[in-house]
Structure formats: C-alpha cells, structure tokens
Protein backbone atom coordinates (compact mmCIF):
# COMPACT_ATOMS: atom_id res chain seq x y z
CA MET A 1 -0.02 0.00 -0.12
CA ILE A 2 2.65 2.17 0.71
CA ALA A 3 4.58 1.64 -2.25
CA TYR A 4 1.24 2.04 -4.20
CA ILE A 5 0.97 5.39 -2.76
CA LYS A 6 4.68 6.80 -3.04
CA LYS A 7 4.94 6.94 -6.83
CA PRO A 8 1.89 9.13 -7.81
CA PHE A 9 2.89 11.15 -4.71
CA VAL A 10 6.46 11.77 -5.73
CA LEU A 11 4.93 12.31 -9.31
CA VAL A 12 2.63 15.40 -7.80
CA ILE A 13 5.45 16.82 -6.02
CA ALA A 14 7.65 16.83 -9.04
CA ILE A 15 5.14 18.35 -11.19
CA TYR A 16 4.22 20.97 -8.39
CA CYS A 17 7.78 21.97 -8.11
CA SER A 18 8.49 22.45 -11.85
CA GLY A 19 5.30 24.07 -12.51
CA ILE A 20 5.23 26.51 -9.35
CA LEU A 21 7.57 26.26 -6.67
CA MET A 22 10.56 25.99 -8.69
CA ALA A 23 9.72 28.76 -11.13
CA GLN A 24 8.25 30.89 -8.22
CA THR A 25 10.56 31.57 -5.58
CA SER A 26 12.71 34.32 -4.68
CA ASP A 27 15.67 32.22 -5.90
CA ASP A 28 14.31 32.35 -9.48
CA GLN A 29 12.86 35.80 -8.80
CA PHE A 30 9.16 34.15 -9.05
CA ARG A 31 10.25 33.92 -12.94
CA MET A 32 7.28 32.94 -15.28
CA PRO A 33 7.17 32.65 -19.14
CA LEU A 34 5.30 35.61 -20.43
CA LYS A 35 2.58 33.62 -22.43
CA THR A 36 1.88 31.61 -19.30
CA VAL A 37 1.17 34.88 -17.55
CA LEU A 38 -0.88 36.61 -20.28
CA THR A 39 -3.07 33.33 -20.38
CA GLU A 40 -3.45 33.06 -16.40
CA ILE A 41 -4.33 36.96 -16.76
CA GLU A 42 -6.85 36.41 -19.49
CA GLN A 43 -8.46 33.71 -17.15
CA ARG A 44 -8.40 35.58 -13.85
CA TYR A 45 -9.81 39.06 -15.17
CA GLY A 46 -12.10 37.71 -17.95
CA ILE A 47 -10.32 39.55 -20.72
CA LYS A 48 -9.01 38.37 -24.12
CA MET A 49 -5.59 39.17 -25.55
CA GLN A 50 -4.18 39.47 -29.17
CA TYR A 51 -0.65 38.82 -30.07
CA GLY A 52 1.90 37.03 -32.19
CA GLU A 53 3.67 34.13 -30.87
CA GLU A 54 6.89 35.87 -32.06
CA MET A 55 6.13 38.53 -29.54
CA VAL A 56 6.06 36.43 -26.58
CA LYS A 57 8.58 33.62 -27.50
CA ASP A 58 11.44 33.18 -25.07
CA LYS A 59 10.28 36.24 -22.85
CA TRP A 60 9.96 35.88 -19.04
CA VAL A 61 8.53 37.97 -16.32
CA ASN A 62 10.28 38.33 -13.03
CA TYR A 63 8.06 38.48 -9.75
CA ALA A 64 5.24 37.99 -12.22
CA ARG A 65 2.49 37.07 -9.72
CA TRP A 66 3.56 39.80 -7.49
CA ARG A 67 2.95 42.35 -10.11
CA TYR A 68 -1.00 41.29 -9.89
CA ARG A 69 -3.25 44.11 -9.04
CA PRO A 70 -7.12 44.09 -8.80
CA ASP A 71 -7.92 45.51 -12.30
CA ALA A 72 -6.56 44.19 -15.50
CA GLU A 73 -5.15 47.26 -17.11
CA THR A 74 -3.08 47.95 -14.12
CA THR A 75 -1.54 44.20 -14.05
CA LEU A 76 -1.07 44.32 -17.60
CA SER A 77 0.88 47.50 -17.20
CA ASN A 78 2.97 46.04 -14.15
CA ILE A 79 3.81 43.00 -16.28
CA LEU A 80 4.66 44.48 -19.38
CA SER A 81 6.31 47.69 -18.60
CA PRO A 82 9.84 46.04 -17.69
CA LEU A 83 9.76 44.28 -21.17
CA ASP A 84 9.25 47.55 -22.87
CA MET A 85 5.86 46.33 -24.11
CA ALA A 86 2.31 47.68 -23.70
CA VAL A 87 -1.30 47.04 -24.79
CA ASN A 88 -3.90 48.65 -26.78
CA LYS A 89 -7.33 48.58 -25.87
CA THR A 90 -9.41 47.31 -28.74
CA GLY A 91 -12.75 46.87 -27.42
CA ASP A 92 -14.77 45.69 -24.26
CA LYS A 93 -12.39 43.34 -22.46
CA ARG A 94 -10.12 43.07 -25.56
CA TYR A 95 -6.62 44.27 -25.69
CA LYS A 96 -3.58 44.05 -28.18
CA LEU A 97 0.02 43.50 -27.08
CA LYS A 98 2.32 45.95 -28.46
CA TYR A 99 5.92 46.87 -28.03
CA PHE A 100 6.41 50.30 -26.09
CA GLU A 101 6.23 53.29 -28.38
CA TYR A 102 8.52 55.88 -26.72
CA HIS A 103 6.82 58.50 -29.02
CA ARG A 104 3.07 57.88 -28.15
CA LEU A 105 1.09 58.61 -24.86
CA THR A 106 -2.73 58.38 -24.22
CA PRO A 107 -4.80 61.47 -24.83
CA GLU A 108 -5.00 61.81 -21.19
CA GLU A 109 -1.38 61.85 -20.57
CA GLY A 110 -0.65 64.16 -23.55
CA LYS A 111 -2.94 66.70 -22.25
CA ALA A 112 -1.66 66.47 -18.63
CA ARG A 113 2.08 67.04 -20.11
CA LEU A 114 0.95 69.78 -22.15
CA ASP A 115 -0.62 71.37 -19.01
CA TYR A 116 2.64 70.71 -17.13
CA LEU A 117 4.61 72.57 -19.80
CA ALA A 118 2.37 75.70 -19.90
CA SER A 119 2.71 75.93 -15.88
CA HIS A 120 6.11 77.00 -16.48
CA TYR A 121 5.63 80.30 -18.12
CA SER A 122 3.00 83.01 -17.88
CA ASN A 123 4.33 85.86 -20.26
CA ALA A 124 6.53 86.16 -23.17
CA GLN A 125 9.66 86.99 -21.24
CA GLN A 126 9.10 83.44 -19.43
CA TRP A 127 8.45 81.87 -22.62
CA GLU A 128 11.19 83.12 -24.49
CA GLN A 129 13.78 82.05 -22.07
CA ARG A 130 12.32 78.71 -22.37
CA ARG A 131 12.08 78.81 -26.20
CA ASP A 132 15.74 80.00 -26.66
CA SER A 133 17.12 76.97 -24.41
CA LEU A 134 14.78 74.68 -25.99
CA LYS A 135 16.33 76.08 -29.48
CA LYS A 136 19.94 75.97 -28.38
CA CYS A 137 19.33 72.42 -27.19
CA MET A 138 17.45 70.85 -30.38
CA TRP A 139 20.41 72.37 -32.47
CA GLU A 140 22.62 70.29 -30.29
CA ALA A 141 20.52 67.30 -30.25
CA LEU A 142 20.69 67.12 -33.93
CA GLN A 143 24.48 67.45 -33.82
CA LEU A 144 24.05 70.65 -36.04
CA SER A 145 25.73 73.01 -33.50
CA PRO A 146 27.72 74.45 -35.41
CA LEU A 147 26.44 73.50 -38.96
CA PRO A 148 29.29 71.26 -40.84
CA PRO A 149 30.60 73.15 -43.98
CA ALA A 150 28.52 73.11 -46.93
CA PRO A 151 29.89 71.82 -50.20
CA THR A 152 30.91 74.51 -52.62
CA GLY A 153 29.18 73.04 -55.70
CA LYS A 154 26.13 74.29 -57.41
CA PRO A 155 23.00 72.30 -57.35
CA ILE A 156 22.33 69.90 -60.26
CA ILE A 157 19.37 71.16 -62.54
CA VAL A 158 18.09 69.05 -65.30
CA SER A 159 14.82 69.03 -67.52
CA LYS A 160 13.10 72.31 -67.23
CA ARG A 161 9.70 71.90 -68.58
CA SER A 162 6.99 74.45 -69.15
CA MET A 163 3.07 73.75 -68.36
CA ASP A 164 0.24 76.10 -68.06
CA GLY A 165 1.29 79.09 -65.99
CA TYR A 166 4.30 77.24 -64.39
CA SER A 167 7.56 75.60 -64.75
CA ILE A 168 8.94 72.35 -63.29
CA GLU A 169 12.63 71.79 -63.07
CA ASN A 170 14.57 68.40 -61.37
CA ILE A 171 17.03 69.60 -59.08
CA ALA A 172 19.51 67.80 -56.53
CA PHE A 173 21.35 69.49 -53.79
CA GLU A 174 24.68 68.22 -52.37
CA VAL A 175 24.13 68.29 -48.57
CA LEU A 176 27.51 67.13 -47.38
CA PRO A 177 29.96 66.09 -49.80
CA GLY A 178 28.62 63.07 -51.86
CA LEU A 179 25.10 63.51 -50.05
CA TYR A 180 22.60 64.18 -52.38
CA ILE A 181 18.75 65.33 -51.99
CA ALA A 182 16.73 65.31 -55.08
CA GLY A 183 13.62 67.47 -55.61
CA SER A 184 11.02 69.27 -57.97
CA LEU A 185 11.06 72.90 -58.04
CA TYR A 186 8.07 74.53 -59.39
CA ARG A 187 7.87 78.23 -60.49
CA PRO A 188 5.47 80.77 -62.01
CA LEU A 189 6.17 81.15 -65.60
CA LYS A 190 5.63 84.84 -65.49
CA VAL A 191 7.59 86.66 -62.75
CA LYS A 192 7.36 90.34 -62.43
CA SER A 193 8.44 91.06 -58.90
CA LYS A 194 10.00 89.25 -55.61
CA ILE A 195 8.16 85.97 -55.23
CA PRO A 196 7.52 83.94 -51.86
CA ILE A 197 9.43 80.50 -51.38
CA VAL A 198 7.06 77.43 -50.18
CA LEU A 199 9.15 74.51 -48.82
CA CYS A 200 7.07 71.38 -49.19
CA PRO A 201 8.63 68.37 -47.12
CA ASP A 202 6.50 65.39 -47.12
CA GLY A 203 5.47 62.39 -44.88
CA HIS A 204 5.61 58.75 -45.75
CA TRP A 205 2.98 58.29 -48.09
CA ALA A 206 3.48 56.09 -51.22
CA GLN A 207 5.08 57.71 -54.02
CA HIS A 208 6.13 60.58 -51.85
CA ARG A 209 6.85 63.59 -54.02
CA TYR A 210 5.65 61.72 -57.28
CA ARG A 211 2.25 61.54 -56.08
CA ALA A 212 -0.73 63.30 -57.79
CA ASP A 213 -1.66 65.20 -54.66
CA CYS A 214 1.87 66.66 -54.24
CA GLN A 215 2.29 67.59 -58.03
CA LEU A 216 -1.13 69.24 -57.66
CA ARG A 217 -0.21 71.21 -54.54
CA CYS A 218 3.26 72.43 -55.75
CA ALA A 219 2.06 73.18 -59.10
CA THR A 220 -0.90 75.29 -57.93
CA LEU A 221 1.27 77.23 -55.48
CA ALA A 222 3.34 78.14 -58.53
CA ARG A 223 0.51 79.01 -60.46
CA MET A 224 -0.59 81.32 -57.70
CA GLY A 225 2.84 83.32 -57.81
CA CYS A 226 5.12 81.23 -55.47
CA MET A 227 8.23 78.95 -56.21
CA ALA A 228 7.41 75.73 -54.31
CA ILE A 229 9.83 72.72 -53.89
CA SER A 230 9.08 69.27 -53.10
CA TYR A 231 11.94 67.11 -52.15
CA ASP A 232 12.98 63.43 -50.92
CA LEU A 233 12.84 62.04 -47.60
CA PHE A 234 16.23 60.51 -46.52
CA ALA A 235 16.57 56.65 -48.25
CA TRP A 236 13.40 57.38 -49.97
CA GLY A 237 12.67 58.39 -53.69
CA GLU A 238 16.11 58.93 -55.48
CA SER A 239 18.00 58.77 -51.95
CA LEU A 240 17.65 55.03 -52.46
CA LEU A 241 20.28 55.25 -55.09
CA GLN A 242 22.78 55.88 -52.34
CA PHE A 243 21.21 54.15 -49.33
CA LYS A 244 18.75 51.33 -48.41
CA SER A 245 15.23 51.94 -47.25
CA GLU A 246 15.75 50.51 -43.82
CA ASP A 247 18.30 53.40 -43.40
CA HIS A 248 15.31 55.91 -43.18
CA ARG A 249 14.47 54.26 -39.91
CA ARG A 250 17.68 55.21 -38.33
CA ALA A 251 18.21 58.45 -36.15
CA LEU A 252 20.43 60.27 -38.24
CA ALA A 253 17.76 60.28 -40.88
CA MET A 254 16.31 63.45 -38.67
CA THR A 255 19.63 65.28 -38.85
CA VAL A 256 20.04 64.76 -42.47
CA GLN A 257 16.31 65.80 -43.39
CA ALA A 258 16.68 69.10 -41.07
CA LEU A 259 20.07 69.77 -42.36
CA GLY A 260 18.78 69.19 -46.20
CA THR A 261 15.89 71.76 -45.73
CA ILE A 262 18.52 74.56 -44.61
CA ARG A 263 20.86 73.79 -47.43
CA ILE A 264 17.64 73.97 -50.22
CA LEU A 265 16.63 77.29 -48.34
CA ASP A 266 20.16 78.68 -48.50
CA TYR A 267 20.17 77.98 -52.01
CA LEU A 268 16.61 79.41 -53.05
CA LEU A 269 17.36 82.57 -51.15
CA THR A 270 19.93 83.32 -53.50
CA LEU A 271 17.64 83.51 -56.62
CA LYS A 272 17.15 86.93 -57.42
CA GLU A 273 13.38 86.63 -57.49
CA ALA A 274 12.97 85.22 -54.21
CA ASP A 275 11.63 87.20 -51.33
CA SER A 276 13.16 86.56 -48.10
CA SER A 277 10.25 88.28 -46.09
CA ARG A 278 7.88 85.49 -47.61
CA VAL A 279 9.14 82.06 -46.84
CA ALA A 280 6.60 79.24 -45.71
CA ILE A 281 6.69 75.35 -45.13
CA SER A 282 4.16 72.95 -45.32
CA GLY A 283 4.27 69.41 -45.05
CA GLY A 284 1.73 66.64 -43.91
CA SER A 285 2.48 63.50 -41.56
CA GLY A 286 6.07 63.33 -41.07
CA GLY A 287 6.34 66.34 -43.23
CA GLY A 288 4.27 68.20 -40.58
CA SER A 289 6.82 67.16 -37.66
CA HIS A 290 9.32 68.25 -40.06
CA THR A 291 7.41 71.78 -40.67
CA MET A 292 7.06 72.12 -37.13
CA LEU A 293 10.84 71.77 -36.36
CA ILE A 294 12.38 73.68 -38.92
CA THR A 295 10.05 76.58 -38.29
CA ALA A 296 11.30 76.28 -34.47
CA LEU A 297 14.74 76.17 -35.51
CA ASP A 298 15.00 78.73 -38.64
CA ASN A 299 13.71 82.12 -38.07
CA ARG A 300 13.77 82.86 -41.93
CA ILE A 301 10.68 80.87 -42.07
CA LYS A 302 7.99 83.42 -41.79
CA LEU A 303 4.93 80.88 -42.17
CA SER A 304 3.85 77.40 -41.41
CA VAL A 305 1.09 75.01 -42.18
CA PRO A 306 1.76 71.39 -40.17
CA VAL A 307 -0.87 69.03 -41.60
CA VAL A 308 -2.45 66.11 -39.64
CA MET A 309 0.52 66.09 -37.24
CA LEU A 310 0.41 68.21 -34.42
CA SER A 311 -0.36 66.10 -31.11
CA SER A 312 0.32 66.35 -27.54
CA TYR A 313 0.18 62.50 -27.38
CA HIS A 314 2.16 61.34 -30.14
CA SER A 315 5.64 62.63 -31.18
CA GLY A 316 5.78 61.13 -34.61
CA GLY A 317 6.75 57.33 -35.01
CA CYS A 318 9.65 57.36 -37.39
CA PRO A 319 13.17 58.21 -36.24
CA CYS A 320 13.32 60.81 -38.94
CA GLU A 321 10.75 62.57 -36.62
CA SER A 322 11.69 61.66 -33.04
CA GLY A 323 15.04 59.65 -33.43
CA MET A 324 17.09 62.51 -32.23
CA PRO A 325 16.57 63.42 -28.70
CA ILE A 326 14.85 66.94 -29.26
CA HIS A 327 11.82 65.67 -27.34
CA LEU A 328 14.31 65.48 -24.28
CA CYS A 329 15.15 69.13 -24.52
CA GLY A 330 14.42 71.49 -21.55
CA GLY A 331 13.39 68.37 -19.26
CA GLY A 332 11.04 67.22 -21.73
CA THR A 333 8.94 68.89 -24.69
CA ALA A 334 6.16 67.99 -27.02
CA ASN A 335 5.42 68.99 -30.41
CA PRO A 336 2.79 71.68 -29.47
CA GLU A 337 5.50 73.32 -27.75
CA ILE A 338 7.95 73.07 -30.48
CA ALA A 339 5.06 74.36 -32.78
CA ALA A 340 4.78 77.34 -30.36
CA MET A 341 8.34 78.65 -31.02
CA ALA A 342 6.81 79.85 -34.38
CA ALA A 343 4.69 82.53 -32.24
CA PRO A 344 4.06 85.33 -33.31
CA ARG A 345 4.59 84.20 -36.94
CA PRO A 346 1.39 82.90 -39.06
CA GLN A 347 0.74 79.43 -38.53
CA LEU A 348 -2.33 77.35 -39.59
CA VAL A 349 -2.92 73.90 -37.95
CA ILE A 350 -4.93 71.17 -39.97
CA SER A 351 -6.37 68.40 -37.89
CA ASP A 352 -8.77 65.76 -38.68
CA GLY A 353 -10.92 63.32 -36.47
CA LYS A 354 -9.12 59.97 -37.80
CA ASP A 355 -5.79 60.07 -36.18
CA TRP A 356 -3.80 61.46 -33.30
CA THR A 357 -4.73 65.10 -34.25
CA ASP A 358 -8.31 64.17 -33.15
CA GLN A 359 -7.80 66.19 -29.99
CA VAL A 360 -6.49 69.57 -31.41
CA PRO A 361 -9.41 71.95 -31.15
CA GLN A 362 -9.99 71.26 -27.25
CA THR A 363 -5.99 70.73 -26.58
CA GLU A 364 -3.34 71.74 -28.68
CA PHE A 365 -5.13 74.70 -30.23
CA PRO A 366 -6.12 76.44 -27.02
CA TYR A 367 -2.52 76.21 -25.93
CA LEU A 368 -1.27 77.68 -28.98
CA GLN A 369 -3.65 80.84 -28.58
CA LYS A 370 -2.46 80.96 -25.03
CA MET A 371 1.38 81.27 -26.62
CA TYR A 372 0.30 83.72 -29.10
CA GLY A 373 -1.62 85.74 -26.94
CA TYR A 374 1.54 86.60 -25.12
CA TYR A 375 2.25 88.69 -28.43
CA GLY A 376 -1.03 89.88 -28.67
CA LYS A 377 -1.19 88.14 -32.00
CA THR A 378 -3.63 85.37 -31.56
CA ASP A 379 -5.28 86.07 -34.73
CA GLN A 380 -2.12 84.74 -36.23
CA VAL A 381 -2.67 81.04 -35.44
CA GLU A 382 -5.46 79.28 -36.55
CA ASN A 383 -6.87 75.70 -36.79
CA VAL A 384 -8.98 73.95 -39.22
CA HIS A 385 -10.40 70.62 -37.73
CA LEU A 386 -11.94 68.32 -40.38
CA PRO A 387 -13.84 65.64 -38.17
CA GLU A 388 -14.76 63.42 -40.67
CA GLU A 389 -11.50 63.10 -42.78
CA GLY A 390 -8.47 61.03 -42.12
CA HIS A 391 -4.68 61.08 -42.38
CA ASP A 392 -3.74 62.46 -45.78
CA PHE A 393 -3.09 65.93 -47.44
CA GLY A 394 -6.19 65.71 -49.47
CA VAL A 395 -8.17 68.49 -51.75
CA ASN A 396 -9.90 70.11 -48.55
CA LYS A 397 -6.63 70.56 -46.87
CA ARG A 398 -4.54 71.80 -49.93
CA GLN A 399 -7.55 74.53 -50.11
CA LEU A 400 -7.03 75.72 -46.77
CA LEU A 401 -3.13 75.89 -47.34
CA TYR A 402 -3.49 78.14 -50.69
CA LEU A 403 -6.12 80.65 -48.93
CA PHE A 404 -3.91 80.76 -45.71
CA ILE A 405 -0.69 81.69 -47.95
CA ALA A 406 -2.57 84.04 -50.29
CA LYS A 407 -3.76 85.77 -47.06
CA HIS A 408 -0.77 86.39 -45.26
CA PHE A 409 1.77 86.81 -48.32
CA LYS A 410 -1.12 89.31 -49.94
CA LEU A 411 -1.34 87.02 -53.16
CA ASP A 412 -3.72 88.13 -55.79
CA ILE A 413 -5.47 85.19 -56.48
CA ALA A 414 -8.76 86.00 -58.01
CA SER A 415 -7.65 84.59 -61.58
CA GLN A 416 -7.01 81.32 -60.20
CA LEU A 417 -10.55 80.71 -58.63
CA ASP A 418 -13.15 78.35 -60.11
CA ALA A 419 -16.74 79.27 -60.42
CA ALA A 420 -17.30 77.69 -56.91
CA GLY A 421 -14.79 79.92 -55.32
CA LYS A 422 -11.91 77.48 -55.06
CA VAL A 423 -8.54 77.73 -56.25
CA ASP A 424 -8.29 75.81 -59.70
CA GLU A 425 -5.95 72.71 -59.53
CA SER A 426 -7.42 71.37 -62.93
CA LYS A 427 -4.76 73.01 -65.11
CA VAL A 428 -1.84 71.07 -63.48
CA THR A 429 -0.31 68.26 -65.49
CA ILE A 430 0.21 65.21 -63.40
CA GLU A 431 3.60 63.77 -64.73
CA PRO A 432 4.81 60.46 -64.18
CA GLU A 433 7.70 59.36 -61.78
CA THR A 434 10.55 59.23 -64.41
CA ALA A 435 9.77 62.78 -65.60
CA LEU A 436 10.58 64.05 -62.45
CA LEU A 437 14.03 62.00 -61.63
CA VAL A 438 17.32 64.04 -61.70
CA PHE A 439 19.37 61.14 -61.94
CA GLY A 440 17.70 58.99 -64.62
CA PRO A 441 15.61 56.00 -64.45
CA LYS A 442 18.67 53.82 -63.28
CA GLY A 443 20.43 56.36 -61.72
CA GLU A 444 23.14 56.46 -64.23
CA HIS A 445 23.44 60.18 -63.87
CA LEU A 446 24.40 60.00 -60.07
CA PRO A 447 27.53 62.05 -59.53
CA ALA A 448 30.64 59.92 -59.35
CA ASN A 449 31.38 61.30 -55.78
CA ALA A 450 28.22 60.18 -54.34
CA ILE A 451 28.93 58.14 -50.90
CA LYS A 452 26.95 54.65 -50.90
CA GLY A 453 25.63 53.23 -47.67
CA PHE A 454 25.08 54.45 -44.47
CA GLU A 455 28.30 53.31 -43.00
CA GLN A 456 29.82 55.92 -45.16
CA LEU A 457 27.54 58.55 -44.39
CA LYS A 458 27.88 58.07 -40.72
CA ALA A 459 31.87 58.08 -41.06
CA MET A 460 32.09 61.11 -43.10
CA PHE A 461 29.12 62.99 -41.09
CA ILE A 462 30.99 62.35 -38.14
CA HIS A 463 34.12 63.53 -39.74
CA GLN A 464 32.59 66.81 -41.14
CA PHE A 465 31.21 67.62 -37.56
CA GLN A 466 34.08 66.86 -35.48
CA ASP A 467 36.30 68.84 -37.97
CA CYS A 468 33.86 71.78 -37.81
CA SER A 469 33.71 71.68 -34.13
CA SER A 470 37.60 71.73 -33.73
CA LYS A 471 38.37 74.13 -36.43
CA PRO A 472 35.32 76.40 -36.91
CA ASP A 473 35.50 78.77 -40.02
CA LYS A 474 33.00 81.12 -42.01
CA ARG A 475 31.58 78.05 -43.91
CA CYS A 476 30.83 76.34 -40.29
CA ASN A 477 29.22 79.28 -38.74
CA LYS A 478 27.32 81.11 -41.73
CA ASN A 479 23.92 80.56 -40.06
CA GLU A 480 24.76 80.72 -36.62
CA GLN A 481 23.40 84.58 -37.02
CA LEU A 482 20.42 83.26 -38.43
CA ARG A 483 19.52 81.35 -35.07
CA ARG A 484 20.11 84.44 -33.00
CA LEU A 485 17.51 86.56 -35.05
CA PRO A 486 14.41 87.66 -33.17
CA ASP A 487 11.50 85.38 -34.40
CA ASN A 488 9.48 88.57 -35.40
C-alpha cells in the first residue's frame, strides 16, 4: 500500500515543484514565461489578449504574480513595462499586445504633459527664455551645432518643362560631400517681382513627391505666384540610389533631413526673384513634424502650415521625426511646444478626426492661442479641424493651405479661382515618376562622388562635424547669426 501511494505522490510533488515552486521562488525571482502569465491574466480577469507568437517567445517575467493588481489594466502595465511592451485596448475586455512606443502617450497623458509645460511660463519673457533654451538644445541634439561646412558645388538642374502657368525643373542638392537630396522645383512662368518661397517636405505616403496630390499642391502654388519645392525624404525616392530603405529608420535621418532643408533654403534665397520676407513651409504627416521642427529652428521661415501631425500625445513614430533626442530638451518637451516656437509668425494647424490630431480643437489649439496671446497675436494662429477626414493631404486640406498663404503673403489669386470660389487645380499636369527624376531611370547620372551606404554617411558626417567643431570657419558658422535673429 505504501509503495502504491509513493509513486504518484512523488510525481505530484515533481509536477508541483517544476510548475510552481521551482519557477516561483525568490531564488528565481518568481520567474514565469510571458505567455503563461498572459494566459493566466486572461482567465483571472475575463479578458482576451491578441498577440503573435513571436512577441512572447522566449520572454520571461520576474516577480510575475507579485505584479497582479485588482484590475486588468494596471496588472498588464506592471507585467509589460519592464519588457518594454504595452497594450492597446481594442474593445470591451479586449487588448492587443504591442511593443513600447516611446513617442506615444494616451490623449489624457498628452494633455497632462502639455498642462505641465504650460505651467512654467505666464508671459512672453518667461516663454522666450524657455524657447531659446529649447532651440539651443535642439540644434545640439541634432548634432548641427555648429553646422558642418556646406559643399561649394552648385545644385544639379535638369529637364526644365513649361506647363500651363508654371514650370518644373528637376534639381538635386549636395547637402554634405557626396550626399544628395533630389527634388522638384515649381515656379510661375511669369515673374514680375519678388515672389514667395514655399518648402514642401512630405510624409511617408506612397510615391512621396511623385504622388498626384503632391504635384497638384506644388504646381498650384506656382500658378498662384510662389516658387514651391518638394524633395525626397532621406532613403526615399532617388535617395535610394545611395542608401537602403531601412536606413530611413535610423536616427541620423532626422539630422540629414533638417540639414537638407536648411541647405535647400540657403540656395533658394540666392535666387534673384526670391522674397526672403515671404518664406513658408508646409508638410503633412512626417512632413508636418518636419514643418514644426524647421520653423522652430530657422527664423527665416515666416509662415508654417503643419498638416495632420500636431499632437500632444504623439511625437512621430519614425526616427526621422523623433530619432534624435530633441523631445528630451528642456527636461522634456512635446510637439505643441515646438509648434509654439513659431509664435508670433503666422501658423495654420490642419487636423482631422481620424488620427492623433483628433484632440487639437480642445487641447493643442487652445495652448497655441495662449502662446500667441503673449504677443497679442492670437489672430496669427488658426486651426481648421476636419472631423470626418483622415490622415492625408487631400483637396480640402490643400485648399486651406492655398488660402492661408494667399492671405498672409498678400497674393492676388482672383484669377486662380474656379466658379465655386476654390483655387483651381484642374490645369495642373500630373507627370509620371520618371519625368521627375534628376539622376535618370536607373540612376545612371548620379555623380561619381556620391557616397554609397549608411556607414559611409555616418563616418563622413562624424568627420565633418568633428572637423567643424575643432576648427570652426566661416562655412561652419555662416548660419549661426540666423539662429540668433528675433522671431518677428
């Protein structure tokens, strides 16, 4: 009888030890597999979790059951935070596992952070102290203080075409030795006096500057009397002749794109028809992040229109928007505070109801009004919210851009309006991608000195920066005075 009982008893003890005691003692930090923990949480709280097996494979939770709390969400936060993971609530008692997103908060957290930032200043003088400190830090965070020497070569310009009321030319700029950014420069056919510049960086939409809506926007601005330029993201478009697509998701992409815009503006302001008092920038999505950043950094920008990007709870999910630590400046900042650095220069924020700009009318815009109010210029900042629209740069958003630029740059666009009073886009010719290329369909015209690969870029950039820091010269410092100009 004793022998009969002994074997199953030993077996039970072995199972108990291996399944609970051996995995759950202080000696092993009460360690459990993440998948086991999530299954147990589902059963305990009556919830359902969604995740792929690769997300939980070989992941363990220390002190797992010690992290449990009375409610599921606090428990999940306690379990997942040490693993740099979190959840999105997708329905009633339904959650989806995700990796931690450093650039994203909840809307409630975003508002609380914005309220906290706003509590640190109550007048223009206090704000400007904060703004100047942020600006200095942001230049340093981008590793652009001081700016590296600019290459001495002229832009590469090919294939100028004349259309109905505007021209297009394919253009490429050497940002650093062997590093090129290609773009499309649109100009009015008839230029009688100085004309505005509109920089048009773009987001991560398919086809980028080759898209129909991008061509419509830039060509229409040219027909209105502006010179407008769209240009490639780093490791997008013709930049892929030099880099791999995955290089775009490296932090240095943010620096290259900022430097690229500065170099492009440097050149455009040398053109005899350019009006330095009327320089605008407008981009959507990631281009909206870039719009806010460049406006904050460069006082030559006189008007900005960030589209579908301003958010207190989302800083931009791509390293080209948040890969360098600009949002850690000043003890921590956020895109609305960066957008406020434009004050009192005219700014139009275009938001919608189907992305992270959904809270702008009640959260971010009142904050901007307060900041512009320090200068008695609340009329210089506007928000148009399109609650039924989504994350794009569609026709309604473009129309808002046209009218805002026309109003503040005093453009006579009566001849450009259709019967409905809208700016007419119908006379724009949409060209195929091949027509907009600088370096040819196969990259056969890429300059011989073009660098190839991210490691070359990194090494060359570090060399340029270190050389400029140790032996600054006029080329390094030519834009330092621009940074010190007053915002108005």
